[in-house]
Amino acid sequence: MDYKPNCTVLSVSSASKTFVTSLGNISGQVANFLPDMKAGALVSAAGLVDAGSRWAAVDPLSYGSIRYPEIHVIGDSQATAQPKSGTMANAQAKVCADAILRAIDGQAPNPAPVTMSACYSPITSKTASWLTASYQYDSVTKAMKRVDASFGEAKAPSAENYIDMFDWANSLFEDTFM
């Protein structure tokens, strides 16, 4: 397995199983091409993404757009140095909803929000791994910063983690969609 970060794919040849890239040609039997990650077309079309950026800039106290504070952006569309995950989007939605309710009541947002990311990843058809991290608002930098002591990860993929992954997913889906 070979990982090539920051590599621009210029073209792909299915016949020769080759990617022509900014780092030279890459060939292989199996390849996983991940296109550039960026805010969706709706977020860009709404004028929430600055020229030269891939994400909408937001205030992490409310997830209100820096350009249009009355528009709130969470999850994969915004830039706060927090991971792009369903768990993180769920946590950001709670901070955002709290800030909106406070604004309706004439109050300022919570000055010290905390978000948490957790992610299980299947490694094989019977094992999984996981990692977690918490982020807290830093009033000096006005950014969300990872609380280093909160970072955790599985020692190794396991069948137990694979089973736990479904409990985690069910809890997240229930909290998010119910």
N, C-alpha and C. Protein backbone atom coordinates (compact mmCIF):
# COMPACT_ATOMS: atom_id res chain seq x y z
N MET A 1 0.85 -1.16 0.00
CA MET A 1 0.00 0.00 0.00
C MET A 1 0.90 1.23 0.00
N ASP A 2 0.50 2.23 -0.79
CA ASP A 2 1.29 3.44 -0.93
C ASP A 2 0.35 4.64 -0.87
N TYR A 3 0.61 5.58 0.03
CA TYR A 3 -0.22 6.78 0.19
C TYR A 3 0.52 7.95 -0.41
N LYS A 4 -0.15 8.72 -1.27
CA LYS A 4 0.45 9.87 -1.94
C LYS A 4 -0.34 11.13 -1.62
N PRO A 5 -0.02 11.80 -0.51
CA PRO A 5 -0.75 13.03 -0.18
C PRO A 5 -0.32 14.20 -1.08
N ASN A 6 -1.18 15.18 -1.20
CA ASN A 6 -0.88 16.40 -1.96
C ASN A 6 -0.42 16.09 -3.37
N CYS A 7 -1.09 15.18 -4.00
CA CYS A 7 -0.76 14.72 -5.34
C CYS A 7 -1.93 15.10 -6.26
N THR A 8 -1.68 15.87 -7.28
CA THR A 8 -2.72 16.26 -8.21
C THR A 8 -2.84 15.23 -9.32
N VAL A 9 -4.04 14.65 -9.48
CA VAL A 9 -4.27 13.70 -10.55
C VAL A 9 -4.59 14.49 -11.82
N LEU A 10 -3.79 14.25 -12.87
CA LEU A 10 -3.96 14.96 -14.13
C LEU A 10 -4.82 14.17 -15.12
N SER A 11 -4.68 12.85 -15.09
CA SER A 11 -5.51 11.99 -15.94
C SER A 11 -5.44 10.57 -15.41
N VAL A 12 -6.39 9.74 -15.90
CA VAL A 12 -6.46 8.34 -15.48
C VAL A 12 -6.60 7.48 -16.73
N SER A 13 -5.85 6.37 -16.76
CA SER A 13 -5.98 5.41 -17.83
C SER A 13 -6.44 4.08 -17.23
N SER A 14 -7.69 3.71 -17.48
CA SER A 14 -8.20 2.42 -16.99
C SER A 14 -7.49 1.27 -17.68
N ALA A 15 -7.18 1.43 -18.97
CA ALA A 15 -6.54 0.35 -19.73
C ALA A 15 -5.19 -0.04 -19.14
N SER A 16 -4.39 0.96 -18.77
CA SER A 16 -3.06 0.66 -18.21
C SER A 16 -3.04 0.70 -16.69
N LYS A 17 -4.21 0.97 -16.09
CA LYS A 17 -4.33 1.07 -14.63
C LYS A 17 -3.31 2.06 -14.06
N THR A 18 -3.28 3.26 -14.67
CA THR A 18 -2.28 4.26 -14.32
C THR A 18 -2.94 5.62 -14.08
N PHE A 19 -2.48 6.28 -13.02
CA PHE A 19 -2.82 7.68 -12.77
C PHE A 19 -1.62 8.51 -13.21
N VAL A 20 -1.84 9.51 -14.03
CA VAL A 20 -0.79 10.47 -14.37
C VAL A 20 -0.96 11.60 -13.37
N THR A 21 0.08 11.86 -12.55
CA THR A 21 -0.05 12.82 -11.45
C THR A 21 1.08 13.83 -11.46
N SER A 22 0.93 14.81 -10.59
CA SER A 22 1.97 15.82 -10.41
C SER A 22 3.24 15.23 -9.81
N LEU A 23 3.15 14.02 -9.27
CA LEU A 23 4.31 13.33 -8.70
C LEU A 23 4.82 12.22 -9.61
N GLY A 24 4.32 12.18 -10.84
CA GLY A 24 4.70 11.11 -11.76
C GLY A 24 3.57 10.12 -11.91
N ASN A 25 3.81 9.07 -12.70
CA ASN A 25 2.80 8.05 -12.94
C ASN A 25 2.71 7.10 -11.75
N ILE A 26 1.48 6.73 -11.41
CA ILE A 26 1.24 5.76 -10.34
C ILE A 26 0.38 4.65 -10.92
N SER A 27 0.84 3.43 -10.80
CA SER A 27 0.11 2.28 -11.31
C SER A 27 -0.23 1.33 -10.18
N GLY A 28 -1.28 0.55 -10.38
CA GLY A 28 -1.64 -0.42 -9.36
C GLY A 28 -2.85 -1.21 -9.76
N GLN A 29 -3.03 -2.35 -9.10
CA GLN A 29 -4.20 -3.19 -9.34
C GLN A 29 -5.46 -2.55 -8.75
N VAL A 30 -5.31 -1.90 -7.59
CA VAL A 30 -6.43 -1.24 -6.92
C VAL A 30 -5.98 0.16 -6.51
N ALA A 31 -6.79 1.15 -6.81
CA ALA A 31 -6.45 2.52 -6.43
C ALA A 31 -7.69 3.20 -5.88
N ASN A 32 -7.51 4.02 -4.87
CA ASN A 32 -8.60 4.77 -4.28
C ASN A 32 -8.28 6.25 -4.49
N PHE A 33 -8.97 6.86 -5.45
CA PHE A 33 -8.75 8.25 -5.78
C PHE A 33 -9.73 9.11 -4.98
N LEU A 34 -9.20 10.03 -4.17
CA LEU A 34 -10.03 10.94 -3.40
C LEU A 34 -9.91 12.33 -4.01
N PRO A 35 -10.99 12.85 -4.59
CA PRO A 35 -10.92 14.20 -5.16
C PRO A 35 -10.72 15.23 -4.06
N ASP A 36 -10.34 16.44 -4.47
CA ASP A 36 -10.17 17.52 -3.50
C ASP A 36 -11.44 17.70 -2.68
N MET A 37 -11.27 17.81 -1.38
CA MET A 37 -12.40 18.05 -0.49
C MET A 37 -12.67 19.56 -0.47
N LYS A 38 -13.95 19.92 -0.51
CA LYS A 38 -14.32 21.33 -0.48
C LYS A 38 -15.80 21.46 -0.17
N ALA A 39 -16.21 22.66 0.14
CA ALA A 39 -17.62 22.94 0.42
C ALA A 39 -18.45 22.61 -0.82
N GLY A 40 -19.68 22.22 -0.59
CA GLY A 40 -20.57 21.89 -1.69
C GLY A 40 -20.92 23.09 -2.54
N ALA A 41 -21.47 22.79 -3.72
CA ALA A 41 -21.81 23.83 -4.69
C ALA A 41 -22.77 24.87 -4.12
N LEU A 42 -23.74 24.44 -3.31
CA LEU A 42 -24.70 25.37 -2.72
C LEU A 42 -24.01 26.40 -1.83
N VAL A 43 -23.07 25.93 -1.01
CA VAL A 43 -22.35 26.82 -0.10
C VAL A 43 -21.51 27.82 -0.91
N SER A 44 -20.85 27.34 -1.95
CA SER A 44 -20.05 28.23 -2.80
C SER A 44 -20.94 29.21 -3.55
N ALA A 45 -22.04 28.72 -4.13
CA ALA A 45 -22.95 29.58 -4.89
C ALA A 45 -23.58 30.65 -4.01
N ALA A 46 -23.73 30.37 -2.73
CA ALA A 46 -24.32 31.35 -1.80
C ALA A 46 -23.32 32.44 -1.42
N GLY A 47 -22.08 32.33 -1.92
CA GLY A 47 -21.08 33.35 -1.62
C GLY A 47 -20.45 33.20 -0.25
N LEU A 48 -20.48 32.00 0.31
CA LEU A 48 -19.96 31.78 1.66
C LEU A 48 -18.49 31.34 1.66
N VAL A 49 -17.94 31.07 0.49
CA VAL A 49 -16.55 30.62 0.38
C VAL A 49 -15.74 31.73 -0.26
N ASP A 50 -14.71 32.18 0.43
CA ASP A 50 -13.84 33.23 -0.11
C ASP A 50 -13.04 32.69 -1.29
N ALA A 51 -12.71 33.57 -2.23
CA ALA A 51 -11.87 33.19 -3.37
C ALA A 51 -10.57 32.58 -2.86
N GLY A 52 -10.17 31.49 -3.46
CA GLY A 52 -8.93 30.83 -3.06
C GLY A 52 -9.08 29.88 -1.89
N SER A 53 -10.27 29.80 -1.32
CA SER A 53 -10.51 28.90 -0.20
C SER A 53 -11.39 27.74 -0.66
N ARG A 54 -11.39 26.66 0.10
CA ARG A 54 -12.24 25.52 -0.22
C ARG A 54 -13.43 25.43 0.73
N TRP A 55 -13.40 26.19 1.81
CA TRP A 55 -14.41 26.04 2.86
C TRP A 55 -15.01 27.39 3.24
N ALA A 56 -16.19 27.39 3.82
CA ALA A 56 -16.82 28.59 4.34
C ALA A 56 -16.18 28.93 5.69
N ALA A 57 -15.75 30.16 5.85
CA ALA A 57 -15.19 30.61 7.13
C ALA A 57 -16.36 30.91 8.06
N VAL A 58 -16.28 30.38 9.30
CA VAL A 58 -17.35 30.57 10.27
C VAL A 58 -16.79 30.99 11.62
N ASP A 59 -17.67 31.56 12.43
CA ASP A 59 -17.36 31.86 13.82
C ASP A 59 -17.68 30.61 14.63
N PRO A 60 -16.68 29.95 15.24
CA PRO A 60 -16.95 28.70 15.94
C PRO A 60 -17.81 28.85 17.20
N LEU A 61 -18.11 30.07 17.61
CA LEU A 61 -19.04 30.25 18.74
C LEU A 61 -20.48 30.04 18.31
N SER A 62 -20.76 30.23 17.01
CA SER A 62 -22.14 30.12 16.53
C SER A 62 -22.27 29.34 15.22
N TYR A 63 -21.17 29.13 14.53
CA TYR A 63 -21.12 28.56 13.19
C TYR A 63 -21.81 29.47 12.19
N GLY A 64 -21.95 30.76 12.55
CA GLY A 64 -22.43 31.76 11.62
C GLY A 64 -21.31 32.10 10.65
N SER A 65 -21.65 32.31 9.39
CA SER A 65 -20.67 32.67 8.37
C SER A 65 -19.98 33.98 8.75
N ILE A 66 -18.69 34.05 8.49
CA ILE A 66 -17.96 35.30 8.71
C ILE A 66 -18.47 36.36 7.75
N ARG A 67 -18.83 35.98 6.53
CA ARG A 67 -19.32 36.93 5.52
C ARG A 67 -20.78 37.32 5.77
N TYR A 68 -21.60 36.36 6.15
CA TYR A 68 -23.03 36.57 6.37
C TYR A 68 -23.41 35.89 7.68
N PRO A 69 -23.23 36.55 8.83
CA PRO A 69 -23.41 35.91 10.14
C PRO A 69 -24.79 35.30 10.38
N GLU A 70 -25.79 35.74 9.63
CA GLU A 70 -27.12 35.17 9.81
C GLU A 70 -27.28 33.80 9.13
N ILE A 71 -26.28 33.41 8.34
CA ILE A 71 -26.28 32.09 7.70
C ILE A 71 -25.30 31.20 8.47
N HIS A 72 -25.78 30.07 8.93
CA HIS A 72 -24.97 29.16 9.74
C HIS A 72 -24.54 27.96 8.91
N VAL A 73 -23.28 27.56 9.07
CA VAL A 73 -22.70 26.47 8.27
C VAL A 73 -22.01 25.49 9.21
N ILE A 74 -22.40 24.22 9.14
CA ILE A 74 -21.76 23.19 9.97
C ILE A 74 -21.23 22.08 9.08
N GLY A 75 -20.44 21.20 9.67
CA GLY A 75 -20.01 19.98 9.00
C GLY A 75 -18.99 20.18 7.91
N ASP A 76 -19.17 19.42 6.83
CA ASP A 76 -18.18 19.36 5.76
C ASP A 76 -18.04 20.65 4.95
N SER A 77 -18.83 21.63 5.20
CA SER A 77 -18.79 22.85 4.40
C SER A 77 -17.97 23.97 5.00
N GLN A 78 -17.52 23.83 6.24
CA GLN A 78 -16.86 24.95 6.90
C GLN A 78 -15.46 24.62 7.37
N ALA A 79 -14.71 25.67 7.64
CA ALA A 79 -13.31 25.54 8.07
C ALA A 79 -13.15 25.95 9.53
N THR A 80 -12.91 25.00 10.41
CA THR A 80 -12.62 25.31 11.81
C THR A 80 -11.50 24.44 12.36
N ALA A 81 -10.81 23.69 11.51
CA ALA A 81 -9.73 22.78 11.90
C ALA A 81 -10.23 21.59 12.70
N GLN A 82 -11.54 21.38 12.69
CA GLN A 82 -12.11 20.20 13.33
C GLN A 82 -12.29 19.12 12.25
N PRO A 83 -12.28 17.85 12.64
CA PRO A 83 -12.43 16.79 11.65
C PRO A 83 -13.76 16.87 10.91
N LYS A 84 -13.77 16.31 9.73
CA LYS A 84 -14.99 16.18 8.94
C LYS A 84 -15.57 14.80 9.24
N SER A 85 -16.55 14.76 10.12
CA SER A 85 -17.17 13.49 10.49
C SER A 85 -18.62 13.73 10.89
N GLY A 86 -19.41 12.67 10.84
CA GLY A 86 -20.80 12.78 11.27
C GLY A 86 -20.92 13.16 12.73
N THR A 87 -20.05 12.59 13.56
CA THR A 87 -20.08 12.92 14.99
C THR A 87 -19.78 14.40 15.19
N MET A 88 -18.80 14.92 14.46
CA MET A 88 -18.43 16.33 14.61
C MET A 88 -19.55 17.23 14.10
N ALA A 89 -20.17 16.88 12.98
CA ALA A 89 -21.29 17.68 12.48
C ALA A 89 -22.42 17.70 13.50
N ASN A 90 -22.67 16.58 14.16
CA ASN A 90 -23.69 16.50 15.19
C ASN A 90 -23.36 17.44 16.35
N ALA A 91 -22.09 17.42 16.78
CA ALA A 91 -21.66 18.28 17.89
C ALA A 91 -21.74 19.76 17.49
N GLN A 92 -21.32 20.07 16.27
CA GLN A 92 -21.38 21.45 15.79
C GLN A 92 -22.83 21.92 15.68
N ALA A 93 -23.72 21.04 15.27
CA ALA A 93 -25.14 21.40 15.17
C ALA A 93 -25.70 21.79 16.53
N LYS A 94 -25.26 21.11 17.58
CA LYS A 94 -25.73 21.44 18.93
C LYS A 94 -25.22 22.81 19.37
N VAL A 95 -23.96 23.13 19.08
CA VAL A 95 -23.40 24.44 19.40
C VAL A 95 -24.14 25.51 18.60
N CYS A 96 -24.36 25.22 17.32
CA CYS A 96 -25.04 26.17 16.44
C CYS A 96 -26.48 26.43 16.91
N ALA A 97 -27.21 25.36 17.20
CA ALA A 97 -28.60 25.51 17.65
C ALA A 97 -28.66 26.30 18.95
N ASP A 98 -27.74 26.02 19.87
CA ASP A 98 -27.69 26.76 21.13
C ASP A 98 -27.45 28.25 20.87
N ALA A 99 -26.52 28.56 19.95
CA ALA A 99 -26.21 29.96 19.64
C ALA A 99 -27.42 30.67 19.01
N ILE A 100 -28.14 29.96 18.13
CA ILE A 100 -29.32 30.55 17.50
C ILE A 100 -30.40 30.83 18.55
N LEU A 101 -30.63 29.87 19.44
CA LEU A 101 -31.63 30.08 20.50
C LEU A 101 -31.23 31.23 21.42
N ARG A 102 -29.95 31.32 21.74
CA ARG A 102 -29.48 32.43 22.57
C ARG A 102 -29.67 33.77 21.84
N ALA A 103 -29.38 33.80 20.54
CA ALA A 103 -29.54 35.04 19.76
C ALA A 103 -31.01 35.48 19.74
N ILE A 104 -31.91 34.52 19.58
CA ILE A 104 -33.35 34.84 19.59
C ILE A 104 -33.74 35.45 20.93
N ASP A 105 -33.09 34.99 22.00
CA ASP A 105 -33.38 35.49 23.35
C ASP A 105 -32.55 36.72 23.70
N GLY A 106 -31.77 37.25 22.72
CA GLY A 106 -30.96 38.45 22.95
C GLY A 106 -29.67 38.19 23.70
N GLN A 107 -29.24 36.95 23.77
CA GLN A 107 -28.01 36.61 24.49
C GLN A 107 -26.85 36.34 23.52
N ALA A 108 -25.66 36.45 24.06
CA ALA A 108 -24.45 36.10 23.29
C ALA A 108 -24.30 34.58 23.27
N PRO A 109 -23.55 34.07 22.28
CA PRO A 109 -23.31 32.62 22.25
C PRO A 109 -22.50 32.16 23.47
N ASN A 110 -22.55 30.89 23.74
CA ASN A 110 -21.71 30.28 24.77
C ASN A 110 -20.26 30.66 24.47
N PRO A 111 -19.54 31.26 25.42
CA PRO A 111 -18.17 31.70 25.15
C PRO A 111 -17.12 30.59 25.17
N ALA A 112 -17.51 29.37 25.51
CA ALA A 112 -16.53 28.28 25.61
C ALA A 112 -17.11 26.94 25.14
N PRO A 113 -17.56 26.87 23.88
CA PRO A 113 -18.13 25.60 23.42
C PRO A 113 -17.07 24.50 23.31
N VAL A 114 -17.54 23.27 23.45
CA VAL A 114 -16.70 22.09 23.31
C VAL A 114 -17.39 21.17 22.32
N THR A 115 -16.61 20.59 21.42
CA THR A 115 -17.14 19.59 20.50
C THR A 115 -16.30 18.33 20.63
N MET A 116 -16.88 17.21 20.22
CA MET A 116 -16.18 15.94 20.33
C MET A 116 -16.35 15.16 19.04
N SER A 117 -15.27 14.55 18.62
CA SER A 117 -15.29 13.70 17.44
C SER A 117 -14.98 12.27 17.84
N ALA A 118 -15.75 11.36 17.29
CA ALA A 118 -15.48 9.93 17.48
C ALA A 118 -15.73 9.27 16.14
N CYS A 119 -14.92 8.32 15.82
CA CYS A 119 -15.06 7.67 14.53
C CYS A 119 -14.61 6.22 14.62
N TYR A 120 -15.47 5.34 14.17
CA TYR A 120 -15.09 3.93 14.00
C TYR A 120 -14.87 3.70 12.52
N SER A 121 -13.88 2.92 12.19
CA SER A 121 -13.58 2.60 10.80
C SER A 121 -13.44 1.09 10.64
N PRO A 122 -14.24 0.49 9.76
CA PRO A 122 -14.02 -0.93 9.51
C PRO A 122 -12.68 -1.12 8.80
N ILE A 123 -11.91 -2.09 9.25
CA ILE A 123 -10.61 -2.37 8.65
C ILE A 123 -10.70 -3.60 7.75
N THR A 124 -11.43 -4.60 8.23
CA THR A 124 -11.73 -5.79 7.43
C THR A 124 -13.22 -6.04 7.57
N SER A 125 -13.69 -7.14 7.04
CA SER A 125 -15.11 -7.44 7.15
C SER A 125 -15.51 -7.87 8.55
N LYS A 126 -14.53 -8.00 9.47
CA LYS A 126 -14.84 -8.43 10.83
C LYS A 126 -14.10 -7.65 11.91
N THR A 127 -13.30 -6.66 11.53
CA THR A 127 -12.58 -5.86 12.52
C THR A 127 -12.76 -4.38 12.24
N ALA A 128 -12.60 -3.58 13.28
CA ALA A 128 -12.69 -2.12 13.15
C ALA A 128 -11.70 -1.47 14.11
N SER A 129 -11.45 -0.21 13.86
CA SER A 129 -10.61 0.60 14.72
C SER A 129 -11.41 1.84 15.09
N TRP A 130 -10.92 2.67 15.98
CA TRP A 130 -11.62 3.89 16.37
C TRP A 130 -10.62 4.94 16.80
N LEU A 131 -11.09 6.19 16.83
CA LEU A 131 -10.34 7.29 17.44
C LEU A 131 -11.31 8.34 17.93
N THR A 132 -10.86 9.12 18.91
CA THR A 132 -11.68 10.18 19.50
C THR A 132 -10.81 11.42 19.76
N ALA A 133 -11.44 12.56 19.78
CA ALA A 133 -10.76 13.81 20.15
C ALA A 133 -11.81 14.84 20.53
N SER A 134 -11.46 15.71 21.45
CA SER A 134 -12.32 16.83 21.84
C SER A 134 -11.68 18.13 21.43
N TYR A 135 -12.51 19.11 21.17
CA TYR A 135 -12.04 20.44 20.76
C TYR A 135 -12.72 21.47 21.65
N GLN A 136 -11.96 22.49 22.03
CA GLN A 136 -12.49 23.54 22.89
C GLN A 136 -12.13 24.89 22.28
N TYR A 137 -13.04 25.84 22.44
CA TYR A 137 -12.82 27.18 21.92
C TYR A 137 -11.69 27.86 22.69
N ASP A 138 -10.77 28.45 21.95
CA ASP A 138 -9.66 29.20 22.53
C ASP A 138 -9.94 30.69 22.28
N SER A 139 -10.21 31.43 23.34
CA SER A 139 -10.61 32.84 23.18
C SER A 139 -9.46 33.72 22.70
N VAL A 140 -8.22 33.28 22.86
CA VAL A 140 -7.08 34.07 22.38
C VAL A 140 -6.98 33.99 20.86
N THR A 141 -7.05 32.78 20.31
CA THR A 141 -6.93 32.61 18.86
C THR A 141 -8.28 32.65 18.16
N LYS A 142 -9.36 32.62 18.95
CA LYS A 142 -10.72 32.61 18.42
C LYS A 142 -10.94 31.41 17.49
N ALA A 143 -10.38 30.28 17.90
CA ALA A 143 -10.48 29.05 17.11
C ALA A 143 -10.73 27.86 18.02
N MET A 144 -11.22 26.79 17.42
CA MET A 144 -11.38 25.53 18.13
C MET A 144 -10.02 24.83 18.12
N LYS A 145 -9.59 24.39 19.29
CA LYS A 145 -8.30 23.71 19.40
C LYS A 145 -8.51 22.34 20.03
N ARG A 146 -7.76 21.38 19.51
CA ARG A 146 -7.87 20.03 20.06
C ARG A 146 -7.31 19.99 21.48
N VAL A 147 -8.06 19.37 22.36
CA VAL A 147 -7.61 19.14 23.72
C VAL A 147 -6.75 17.88 23.65
N ASP A 148 -5.43 18.06 23.69
CA ASP A 148 -4.53 16.94 23.45
C ASP A 148 -4.78 15.75 24.35
N ALA A 149 -5.10 15.98 25.59
CA ALA A 149 -5.33 14.88 26.53
C ALA A 149 -6.56 14.05 26.14
N SER A 150 -7.43 14.61 25.27
CA SER A 150 -8.65 13.91 24.90
C SER A 150 -8.46 12.94 23.74
N PHE A 151 -7.31 13.02 23.07
CA PHE A 151 -7.11 12.18 21.88
C PHE A 151 -6.92 10.73 22.29
N GLY A 152 -7.67 9.85 21.67
CA GLY A 152 -7.54 8.42 21.95
C GLY A 152 -7.72 7.63 20.68
N GLU A 153 -7.10 6.47 20.65
CA GLU A 153 -7.28 5.60 19.50
C GLU A 153 -7.14 4.14 19.92
N ALA A 154 -7.75 3.28 19.15
CA ALA A 154 -7.68 1.85 19.43
C ALA A 154 -6.24 1.38 19.34
N LYS A 155 -5.87 0.46 20.21
CA LYS A 155 -4.51 -0.11 20.16
C LYS A 155 -4.31 -0.90 18.88
N ALA A 156 -5.38 -1.54 18.42
CA ALA A 156 -5.33 -2.33 17.20
C ALA A 156 -6.76 -2.61 16.74
N PRO A 157 -6.96 -2.86 15.46
CA PRO A 157 -8.29 -3.26 15.01
C PRO A 157 -8.70 -4.55 15.71
N SER A 158 -10.01 -4.67 16.00
CA SER A 158 -10.47 -5.88 16.68
C SER A 158 -11.91 -6.19 16.31
N ALA A 159 -12.30 -7.44 16.60
CA ALA A 159 -13.68 -7.85 16.40
C ALA A 159 -14.61 -7.13 17.38
N GLU A 160 -14.12 -6.89 18.59
CA GLU A 160 -14.92 -6.16 19.58
C GLU A 160 -15.22 -4.74 19.10
N ASN A 161 -14.22 -4.08 18.53
CA ASN A 161 -14.44 -2.74 17.97
C ASN A 161 -15.46 -2.79 16.83
N TYR A 162 -15.43 -3.86 16.06
CA TYR A 162 -16.37 -4.01 14.96
C TYR A 162 -17.81 -4.04 15.48
N ILE A 163 -18.03 -4.78 16.54
CA ILE A 163 -19.36 -4.85 17.17
C ILE A 163 -19.73 -3.50 17.77
N ASP A 164 -18.79 -2.88 18.48
CA ASP A 164 -19.04 -1.56 19.09
C ASP A 164 -19.36 -0.50 18.04
N MET A 165 -18.78 -0.65 16.84
CA MET A 165 -19.01 0.31 15.77
C MET A 165 -20.50 0.45 15.46
N PHE A 166 -21.24 -0.64 15.49
CA PHE A 166 -22.66 -0.59 15.18
C PHE A 166 -23.45 0.08 16.30
N ASP A 167 -23.07 -0.14 17.55
CA ASP A 167 -23.71 0.57 18.67
C ASP A 167 -23.46 2.07 18.56
N TRP A 168 -22.21 2.44 18.26
CA TRP A 168 -21.85 3.85 18.08
C TRP A 168 -22.67 4.47 16.95
N ALA A 169 -22.73 3.78 15.81
CA ALA A 169 -23.47 4.31 14.66
C ALA A 169 -24.95 4.45 14.98
N ASN A 170 -25.53 3.45 15.60
CA ASN A 170 -26.96 3.54 15.95
C ASN A 170 -27.24 4.69 16.90
N SER A 171 -26.37 4.90 17.88
CA SER A 171 -26.53 6.03 18.82
C SER A 171 -26.43 7.36 18.10
N LEU A 172 -25.44 7.48 17.21
CA LEU A 172 -25.26 8.73 16.45
C LEU A 172 -26.47 8.98 15.55
N PHE A 173 -26.94 7.96 14.84
CA PHE A 173 -28.08 8.14 13.95
C PHE A 173 -29.33 8.52 14.73
N GLU A 174 -29.52 7.88 15.88
CA GLU A 174 -30.70 8.19 16.70
C GLU A 174 -30.64 9.63 17.20
N ASP A 175 -29.47 10.05 17.68
CA ASP A 175 -29.32 11.41 18.19
C ASP A 175 -29.45 12.44 17.08
N THR A 176 -29.01 12.10 15.90
CA THR A 176 -29.03 13.04 14.78
C THR A 176 -30.37 13.13 14.09
N PHE A 177 -31.02 11.99 13.89
CA PHE A 177 -32.20 11.96 13.03
C PHE A 177 -33.52 11.72 13.74
N MET A 178 -33.50 11.41 15.03
CA MET A 178 -34.76 11.11 15.71
C MET A 178 -35.24 12.29 16.51
